[in-house]
N, C-alpha and C. Protein backbone atom coordinates (compact mmCIF):
# COMPACT_ATOMS: atom_id res chain seq x y z
N UNK A 1 60.28 46.01 5.72
CA UNK A 1 58.94 46.04 6.26
C UNK A 1 58.10 44.89 5.69
N UNK A 2 58.26 44.66 4.42
CA UNK A 2 57.48 43.62 3.75
C UNK A 2 57.79 42.26 4.35
N UNK A 3 59.05 42.02 4.75
CA UNK A 3 59.45 40.75 5.33
C UNK A 3 58.80 40.54 6.69
N UNK A 4 58.62 41.62 7.49
CA UNK A 4 58.00 41.49 8.79
C UNK A 4 56.54 41.11 8.69
N UNK A 5 55.81 41.68 7.70
CA UNK A 5 54.40 41.35 7.48
C UNK A 5 54.28 39.87 7.11
N UNK A 6 55.19 39.36 6.31
CA UNK A 6 55.16 37.97 5.92
C UNK A 6 55.38 37.09 7.13
N UNK A 7 56.30 37.47 7.98
CA UNK A 7 56.61 36.68 9.19
C UNK A 7 55.41 36.71 10.12
N UNK A 8 54.76 37.84 10.30
CA UNK A 8 53.57 37.92 11.14
C UNK A 8 52.46 37.03 10.56
N UNK A 9 52.29 37.08 9.24
CA UNK A 9 51.27 36.29 8.56
C UNK A 9 51.54 34.80 8.75
N UNK A 10 52.80 34.40 8.56
CA UNK A 10 53.17 33.00 8.74
C UNK A 10 53.00 32.55 10.19
N UNK A 11 53.34 33.45 11.12
CA UNK A 11 53.21 33.11 12.55
C UNK A 11 51.71 32.91 12.87
N UNK A 12 50.86 33.75 12.32
CA UNK A 12 49.42 33.62 12.58
C UNK A 12 48.87 32.31 11.96
N UNK A 13 49.33 31.99 10.77
CA UNK A 13 48.90 30.75 10.13
C UNK A 13 49.39 29.52 10.94
N UNK A 14 50.60 29.59 11.41
CA UNK A 14 51.17 28.51 12.20
C UNK A 14 50.36 28.33 13.51
N UNK A 15 50.01 29.49 14.13
CA UNK A 15 49.22 29.40 15.37
C UNK A 15 47.84 28.78 15.09
N UNK A 16 47.20 29.20 14.02
CA UNK A 16 45.87 28.64 13.67
C UNK A 16 46.00 27.13 13.39
N UNK A 17 47.05 26.73 12.72
CA UNK A 17 47.25 25.31 12.42
C UNK A 17 47.45 24.52 13.69
N UNK A 18 48.29 25.03 14.59
CA UNK A 18 48.55 24.35 15.87
C UNK A 18 47.26 24.28 16.72
N UNK A 19 46.49 25.34 16.70
CA UNK A 19 45.21 25.34 17.43
C UNK A 19 44.27 24.29 16.86
N UNK A 20 44.26 24.14 15.55
CA UNK A 20 43.37 23.15 14.95
C UNK A 20 43.82 21.73 15.28
N UNK A 21 45.10 21.50 15.48
CA UNK A 21 45.56 20.17 15.89
C UNK A 21 45.08 19.83 17.28
N UNK A 22 45.06 20.82 18.18
CA UNK A 22 44.57 20.58 19.52
C UNK A 22 43.09 20.24 19.50
N UNK A 23 42.32 20.87 18.64
CA UNK A 23 40.88 20.64 18.59
C UNK A 23 40.62 19.21 18.09
N UNK A 24 41.45 18.68 17.20
CA UNK A 24 41.26 17.32 16.70
C UNK A 24 41.47 16.28 17.78
N UNK A 25 42.14 16.62 18.87
CA UNK A 25 42.36 15.68 19.95
C UNK A 25 41.23 15.70 20.94
N UNK A 26 40.19 16.44 20.73
CA UNK A 26 39.03 16.45 21.62
C UNK A 26 38.02 15.42 21.13
N UNK A 27 37.53 14.62 22.05
CA UNK A 27 36.54 13.58 21.73
C UNK A 27 35.39 13.70 22.71
N UNK A 28 34.25 13.14 22.30
CA UNK A 28 33.10 13.06 23.19
C UNK A 28 33.17 11.72 23.96
N UNK A 29 32.97 11.77 25.23
CA UNK A 29 32.96 10.57 26.06
C UNK A 29 31.74 9.71 25.64
N UNK A 30 31.98 8.44 25.39
CA UNK A 30 30.90 7.53 25.01
C UNK A 30 29.93 7.23 26.14
N UNK A 31 30.35 7.52 27.38
CA UNK A 31 29.49 7.22 28.52
C UNK A 31 28.66 8.43 28.91
N UNK A 32 29.32 9.58 29.15
CA UNK A 32 28.62 10.74 29.66
C UNK A 32 28.39 11.82 28.62
N UNK A 33 29.09 11.76 27.50
CA UNK A 33 28.91 12.73 26.43
C UNK A 33 29.68 14.01 26.52
N UNK A 34 30.49 14.14 27.64
CA UNK A 34 31.31 15.35 27.79
C UNK A 34 32.49 15.33 26.85
N UNK A 35 32.99 16.50 26.54
CA UNK A 35 34.18 16.64 25.70
C UNK A 35 35.39 16.46 26.59
N UNK A 36 36.38 15.71 26.12
CA UNK A 36 37.64 15.51 26.91
C UNK A 36 38.81 15.46 25.92
N UNK A 37 39.98 15.71 26.44
CA UNK A 37 41.21 15.65 25.65
C UNK A 37 41.59 14.17 25.47
N UNK A 38 41.47 13.68 24.25
CA UNK A 38 41.79 12.29 23.95
C UNK A 38 43.30 12.09 23.88
N UNK A 39 43.84 11.10 24.62
CA UNK A 39 45.28 10.95 24.65
C UNK A 39 45.86 10.26 23.41
N UNK A 40 45.04 9.80 22.48
CA UNK A 40 45.53 9.22 21.25
C UNK A 40 45.49 7.70 21.24
N UNK A 41 45.03 7.08 22.34
CA UNK A 41 44.92 5.60 22.42
C UNK A 41 43.84 5.27 23.44
N UNK A 42 43.34 4.06 23.36
CA UNK A 42 42.34 3.58 24.30
C UNK A 42 40.94 3.98 23.92
N UNK A 43 40.00 3.65 24.76
CA UNK A 43 38.58 3.92 24.46
C UNK A 43 38.25 5.41 24.57
N UNK A 44 37.17 5.79 23.90
CA UNK A 44 36.70 7.21 23.96
C UNK A 44 35.91 7.43 25.25
N UNK A 45 36.60 7.37 26.36
CA UNK A 45 35.93 7.54 27.67
C UNK A 45 36.79 8.51 28.48
N UNK A 46 36.13 9.49 29.10
CA UNK A 46 36.83 10.50 29.90
C UNK A 46 37.40 9.89 31.18
N UNK A 47 38.29 10.60 31.80
CA UNK A 47 38.95 10.13 33.03
C UNK A 47 37.94 9.87 34.16
N UNK A 48 36.94 10.74 34.28
CA UNK A 48 35.94 10.55 35.36
C UNK A 48 35.16 9.25 35.17
N UNK A 49 34.76 8.96 33.94
CA UNK A 49 34.03 7.73 33.67
C UNK A 49 34.90 6.52 33.82
N UNK A 50 36.16 6.62 33.42
CA UNK A 50 37.11 5.53 33.57
C UNK A 50 37.35 5.22 35.05
N UNK A 51 37.47 6.29 35.84
CA UNK A 51 37.68 6.13 37.31
C UNK A 51 36.44 5.49 37.93
N UNK A 52 35.24 5.95 37.52
CA UNK A 52 33.99 5.39 38.06
C UNK A 52 33.87 3.91 37.68
N UNK A 53 34.26 3.55 36.45
CA UNK A 53 34.20 2.16 36.02
C UNK A 53 35.14 1.31 36.86
N UNK A 54 36.34 1.82 37.16
CA UNK A 54 37.30 1.08 37.98
C UNK A 54 36.78 0.93 39.42
N UNK A 55 36.13 1.95 39.93
CA UNK A 55 35.54 1.84 41.29
C UNK A 55 34.45 0.77 41.31
N UNK A 56 33.62 0.70 40.25
CA UNK A 56 32.57 -0.30 40.20
C UNK A 56 33.20 -1.68 40.08
N UNK A 57 34.25 -1.84 39.30
CA UNK A 57 34.93 -3.11 39.16
C UNK A 57 35.52 -3.54 40.51
N UNK A 58 36.12 -2.60 41.24
CA UNK A 58 36.67 -2.91 42.54
C UNK A 58 35.58 -3.36 43.51
N UNK A 59 34.40 -2.76 43.38
CA UNK A 59 33.26 -3.15 44.23
C UNK A 59 32.86 -4.59 43.94
N UNK A 60 32.81 -4.96 42.66
CA UNK A 60 32.48 -6.33 42.27
C UNK A 60 33.57 -7.29 42.71
N UNK A 61 34.84 -6.91 42.55
CA UNK A 61 35.96 -7.76 42.96
C UNK A 61 35.88 -8.01 44.47
N UNK A 62 35.60 -6.99 45.25
CA UNK A 62 35.50 -7.15 46.69
C UNK A 62 34.30 -8.07 47.03
N UNK A 63 33.19 -7.87 46.35
CA UNK A 63 32.01 -8.71 46.56
C UNK A 63 32.32 -10.17 46.28
N UNK A 64 32.99 -10.44 45.15
CA UNK A 64 33.28 -11.80 44.75
C UNK A 64 34.33 -12.48 45.66
N UNK A 65 35.12 -11.68 46.32
CA UNK A 65 36.10 -12.26 47.24
C UNK A 65 35.42 -12.84 48.47
N UNK A 66 34.23 -12.37 48.80
CA UNK A 66 33.49 -12.89 49.94
C UNK A 66 32.27 -13.74 49.54
N UNK A 67 31.84 -13.62 48.28
CA UNK A 67 30.66 -14.37 47.81
C UNK A 67 31.07 -15.16 46.55
N UNK A 68 31.94 -16.14 46.70
CA UNK A 68 32.51 -16.81 45.56
C UNK A 68 31.55 -17.72 44.82
N UNK A 69 30.39 -17.98 45.39
CA UNK A 69 29.40 -18.85 44.75
C UNK A 69 28.31 -18.03 44.02
N UNK A 70 28.52 -16.77 43.89
CA UNK A 70 27.51 -15.88 43.33
C UNK A 70 27.45 -15.99 41.79
N UNK A 71 26.24 -15.94 41.28
CA UNK A 71 26.04 -15.93 39.81
C UNK A 71 26.11 -14.48 39.32
N UNK A 72 26.08 -14.30 38.00
CA UNK A 72 26.10 -12.95 37.46
C UNK A 72 24.87 -12.19 37.91
N UNK A 73 23.71 -12.84 37.86
CA UNK A 73 22.47 -12.17 38.25
C UNK A 73 22.52 -11.76 39.71
N UNK A 74 22.95 -12.66 40.59
CA UNK A 74 23.01 -12.35 42.01
C UNK A 74 24.05 -11.27 42.30
N UNK A 75 25.17 -11.32 41.59
CA UNK A 75 26.21 -10.29 41.76
C UNK A 75 25.66 -8.93 41.37
N UNK A 76 24.91 -8.92 40.28
CA UNK A 76 24.31 -7.65 39.84
C UNK A 76 23.32 -7.12 40.86
N UNK A 77 22.48 -7.99 41.39
CA UNK A 77 21.49 -7.57 42.40
C UNK A 77 22.17 -7.04 43.66
N UNK A 78 23.20 -7.74 44.13
CA UNK A 78 23.85 -7.37 45.37
C UNK A 78 24.76 -6.14 45.28
N UNK A 79 25.36 -5.93 44.11
CA UNK A 79 26.26 -4.81 43.96
C UNK A 79 25.65 -3.59 43.30
N UNK A 80 24.54 -3.80 42.59
CA UNK A 80 23.94 -2.72 41.87
C UNK A 80 24.59 -2.42 40.51
N UNK A 81 25.50 -3.26 40.10
CA UNK A 81 26.19 -3.12 38.82
C UNK A 81 25.32 -3.84 37.76
N UNK A 82 25.05 -3.18 36.63
CA UNK A 82 24.21 -3.83 35.60
C UNK A 82 24.85 -5.10 35.06
N UNK A 83 23.99 -6.07 34.74
CA UNK A 83 24.46 -7.35 34.16
C UNK A 83 25.26 -7.10 32.89
N UNK A 84 24.82 -6.13 32.09
CA UNK A 84 25.51 -5.82 30.84
C UNK A 84 27.00 -5.46 31.13
N UNK A 85 27.22 -4.70 32.17
CA UNK A 85 28.59 -4.29 32.51
C UNK A 85 29.39 -5.48 33.00
N UNK A 86 28.77 -6.38 33.75
CA UNK A 86 29.46 -7.55 34.23
C UNK A 86 29.88 -8.42 33.04
N UNK A 87 29.00 -8.56 32.05
CA UNK A 87 29.35 -9.35 30.86
C UNK A 87 30.43 -8.63 30.02
N UNK A 88 30.44 -7.31 30.02
CA UNK A 88 31.53 -6.60 29.33
C UNK A 88 32.86 -6.96 29.97
N UNK A 89 32.91 -6.97 31.30
CA UNK A 89 34.15 -7.33 32.01
C UNK A 89 34.53 -8.78 31.74
N UNK A 90 33.52 -9.64 31.60
CA UNK A 90 33.81 -11.05 31.27
C UNK A 90 34.39 -11.15 29.88
N UNK A 91 33.84 -10.41 28.94
CA UNK A 91 34.37 -10.40 27.55
C UNK A 91 35.77 -9.81 27.51
N UNK A 92 36.05 -8.87 28.39
CA UNK A 92 37.38 -8.29 28.48
C UNK A 92 38.36 -9.18 29.26
N UNK A 93 37.87 -10.31 29.74
CA UNK A 93 38.64 -11.27 30.53
C UNK A 93 39.13 -10.69 31.86
N UNK A 94 38.31 -9.81 32.42
CA UNK A 94 38.58 -9.29 33.76
C UNK A 94 37.84 -10.11 34.81
N UNK A 95 36.76 -10.80 34.40
CA UNK A 95 36.00 -11.72 35.24
C UNK A 95 35.90 -13.04 34.47
N UNK A 96 35.70 -14.13 35.16
CA UNK A 96 35.54 -15.42 34.49
C UNK A 96 34.64 -16.32 35.32
N UNK A 97 34.13 -17.36 34.69
CA UNK A 97 33.25 -18.32 35.33
C UNK A 97 33.99 -19.57 35.68
N UNK A 98 33.40 -20.32 36.60
CA UNK A 98 33.92 -21.64 36.95
C UNK A 98 33.84 -22.53 35.73
N UNK A 99 34.75 -23.46 35.60
CA UNK A 99 34.82 -24.36 34.46
C UNK A 99 33.81 -25.51 34.59
N UNK A 100 32.52 -25.19 34.59
CA UNK A 100 31.53 -26.27 34.68
C UNK A 100 30.51 -26.21 33.54
N UNK A 101 30.74 -25.38 32.55
CA UNK A 101 29.87 -25.33 31.39
C UNK A 101 28.55 -24.59 31.62
N UNK A 102 28.38 -23.90 32.75
CA UNK A 102 27.12 -23.24 33.02
C UNK A 102 27.18 -21.73 32.78
N UNK A 103 28.25 -21.25 32.17
CA UNK A 103 28.41 -19.79 32.01
C UNK A 103 27.45 -19.24 30.97
N UNK A 104 27.08 -20.04 30.01
CA UNK A 104 26.24 -19.54 28.92
C UNK A 104 27.02 -18.75 27.88
N UNK A 105 28.34 -18.76 27.98
CA UNK A 105 29.19 -18.08 26.99
C UNK A 105 29.68 -19.11 25.97
N UNK A 106 29.76 -18.64 24.73
CA UNK A 106 30.25 -19.50 23.65
C UNK A 106 31.23 -18.75 22.79
N UNK A 107 32.20 -19.47 22.25
CA UNK A 107 33.20 -18.90 21.35
C UNK A 107 32.49 -18.25 20.16
N UNK A 108 32.89 -17.03 19.82
CA UNK A 108 32.22 -16.30 18.73
C UNK A 108 32.58 -16.86 17.37
N UNK A 109 33.57 -17.75 17.30
CA UNK A 109 33.98 -18.31 16.03
C UNK A 109 33.40 -19.71 15.83
N UNK A 110 33.66 -20.63 16.80
CA UNK A 110 33.26 -22.02 16.61
C UNK A 110 32.05 -22.45 17.45
N UNK A 111 31.68 -21.64 18.43
CA UNK A 111 30.52 -21.95 19.27
C UNK A 111 30.79 -22.85 20.47
N UNK A 112 32.03 -23.19 20.73
CA UNK A 112 32.39 -24.04 21.89
C UNK A 112 32.14 -23.24 23.17
N UNK A 113 31.64 -23.91 24.24
CA UNK A 113 31.43 -23.21 25.53
C UNK A 113 32.77 -22.68 26.09
N UNK A 114 32.75 -21.47 26.62
CA UNK A 114 33.93 -20.84 27.20
C UNK A 114 33.58 -20.26 28.56
N UNK A 115 34.56 -19.84 29.33
CA UNK A 115 34.34 -19.31 30.67
C UNK A 115 34.62 -17.81 30.78
N UNK A 116 35.35 -17.27 29.82
CA UNK A 116 35.69 -15.84 29.84
C UNK A 116 36.09 -15.44 28.43
N UNK A 117 36.06 -14.14 28.15
CA UNK A 117 36.50 -13.65 26.86
C UNK A 117 35.48 -13.87 25.77
N UNK A 118 35.97 -13.95 24.54
CA UNK A 118 35.10 -14.10 23.37
C UNK A 118 35.41 -15.34 22.55
N UNK A 119 36.61 -15.93 22.76
CA UNK A 119 37.05 -17.04 21.92
C UNK A 119 37.58 -18.17 22.79
N UNK A 120 37.44 -19.38 22.28
CA UNK A 120 38.00 -20.56 22.95
C UNK A 120 39.50 -20.58 22.75
N UNK A 121 40.17 -21.50 23.47
CA UNK A 121 41.61 -21.58 23.41
C UNK A 121 42.09 -21.90 21.99
N UNK A 122 41.41 -22.82 21.31
CA UNK A 122 41.80 -23.25 19.97
C UNK A 122 41.67 -22.06 18.97
N UNK A 123 40.59 -21.33 19.03
CA UNK A 123 40.38 -20.21 18.11
C UNK A 123 41.33 -19.05 18.41
N UNK A 124 41.66 -18.87 19.70
CA UNK A 124 42.67 -17.86 20.08
C UNK A 124 44.01 -18.19 19.45
N UNK A 125 44.38 -19.49 19.49
CA UNK A 125 45.65 -19.91 18.91
C UNK A 125 45.65 -19.66 17.39
N UNK A 126 44.54 -19.96 16.74
CA UNK A 126 44.45 -19.72 15.29
C UNK A 126 44.58 -18.23 14.98
N UNK A 127 43.91 -17.39 15.78
CA UNK A 127 43.96 -15.96 15.57
C UNK A 127 45.39 -15.41 15.77
N UNK A 128 46.06 -15.96 16.79
CA UNK A 128 47.44 -15.55 17.06
C UNK A 128 48.36 -15.90 15.88
N UNK A 129 48.12 -17.10 15.32
CA UNK A 129 48.93 -17.50 14.14
C UNK A 129 48.73 -16.55 12.98
N UNK A 130 47.50 -16.00 12.87
CA UNK A 130 47.24 -15.05 11.78
C UNK A 130 47.67 -13.65 12.10
N UNK A 131 48.23 -13.47 13.31
CA UNK A 131 48.74 -12.17 13.68
C UNK A 131 47.74 -11.24 14.35
N UNK A 132 46.60 -11.77 14.72
CA UNK A 132 45.56 -10.96 15.38
C UNK A 132 45.94 -10.85 16.85
N UNK A 133 45.96 -9.61 17.39
CA UNK A 133 46.30 -9.36 18.79
C UNK A 133 45.06 -9.59 19.65
N UNK A 134 45.16 -10.51 20.61
CA UNK A 134 44.08 -10.77 21.54
C UNK A 134 44.62 -10.83 22.95
N UNK A 135 43.73 -10.89 23.93
CA UNK A 135 44.16 -10.96 25.32
C UNK A 135 45.01 -12.18 25.54
N UNK A 136 45.92 -12.06 26.53
CA UNK A 136 46.87 -13.14 26.72
C UNK A 136 46.68 -13.93 28.01
N UNK A 137 45.58 -13.77 28.71
CA UNK A 137 45.36 -14.52 29.95
C UNK A 137 44.98 -15.96 29.60
N UNK A 138 45.68 -16.95 30.14
CA UNK A 138 45.30 -18.36 29.92
C UNK A 138 44.04 -18.68 30.71
N UNK A 139 43.50 -19.85 30.44
CA UNK A 139 42.31 -20.28 31.20
C UNK A 139 42.65 -20.34 32.67
N UNK A 140 41.78 -19.80 33.49
CA UNK A 140 42.01 -19.76 34.93
C UNK A 140 41.32 -20.93 35.60
N UNK A 141 41.89 -21.44 36.68
CA UNK A 141 41.31 -22.52 37.44
C UNK A 141 40.64 -21.93 38.69
N UNK A 142 39.45 -22.41 38.97
CA UNK A 142 38.70 -21.97 40.15
C UNK A 142 38.57 -23.14 41.13
N UNK A 143 38.44 -22.78 42.38
CA UNK A 143 38.23 -23.84 43.37
C UNK A 143 36.81 -24.37 43.27
N UNK A 144 36.52 -25.57 43.73
CA UNK A 144 35.19 -26.13 43.66
C UNK A 144 34.16 -25.19 44.35
N UNK A 145 33.03 -25.02 43.73
CA UNK A 145 31.99 -24.22 44.29
C UNK A 145 31.99 -22.78 43.84
N UNK A 146 33.08 -22.28 43.29
CA UNK A 146 33.12 -20.91 42.82
C UNK A 146 32.36 -20.79 41.50
N UNK A 147 31.60 -19.77 41.34
CA UNK A 147 30.86 -19.52 40.11
C UNK A 147 31.54 -18.50 39.21
N UNK A 148 31.98 -17.39 39.81
CA UNK A 148 32.57 -16.31 39.02
C UNK A 148 33.61 -15.65 39.88
N UNK A 149 34.74 -15.24 39.26
CA UNK A 149 35.86 -14.64 39.98
C UNK A 149 36.42 -13.49 39.16
N UNK A 150 37.20 -12.66 39.81
CA UNK A 150 37.93 -11.62 39.07
C UNK A 150 39.29 -12.17 38.72
N UNK A 151 39.89 -11.60 37.67
CA UNK A 151 41.21 -12.03 37.24
C UNK A 151 42.20 -11.00 37.75
N UNK A 152 43.21 -11.45 38.44
CA UNK A 152 44.24 -10.54 38.93
C UNK A 152 45.03 -10.05 37.73
N UNK A 153 45.13 -8.73 37.61
CA UNK A 153 45.81 -8.14 36.46
C UNK A 153 47.29 -8.04 36.76
N UNK A 154 48.11 -8.35 35.77
CA UNK A 154 49.54 -8.13 35.91
C UNK A 154 49.79 -6.66 35.75
N UNK A 155 50.98 -6.18 36.15
CA UNK A 155 51.32 -4.78 36.10
C UNK A 155 51.23 -4.24 34.68
N UNK A 156 51.53 -5.03 33.67
CA UNK A 156 51.53 -4.52 32.29
C UNK A 156 50.14 -4.28 31.76
N UNK A 157 49.09 -4.86 32.36
CA UNK A 157 47.73 -4.67 31.85
C UNK A 157 46.95 -3.62 32.62
N UNK A 158 47.46 -3.11 33.74
CA UNK A 158 46.72 -2.15 34.57
C UNK A 158 46.60 -0.82 33.90
């Protein structure tokens, strides 16, 4: 009898421990504040907000495919997407500017003008040599007259 009580006690402790592990995987969404099951990687954003963000990006991508001369400000006005979000996508290298020095973006390390991301090609190479993981998209070429474009994602980055 004594052995059965110990087994029941251990089973209860094991259940409480397992339940506490599940609770640790719950995070608050940084966008909407709802609680969601965090998968263990990626940003603290729930599936609904991630889906909404992708829909907004698709809207901008579609807009830029027909309005290739559009600036960030005009793109924001025409699509209703905040400028801050457009610049976030530029920093993530999902959007980029034409190579004419008018983007207003500068490398966060050396200050050289850039068209997308956070670092110039030279500083990216230095960071890679030091073992820092950064985005791997090379500088993109735009046709004359284009101001901003979306970057086609390879299957491994989707």
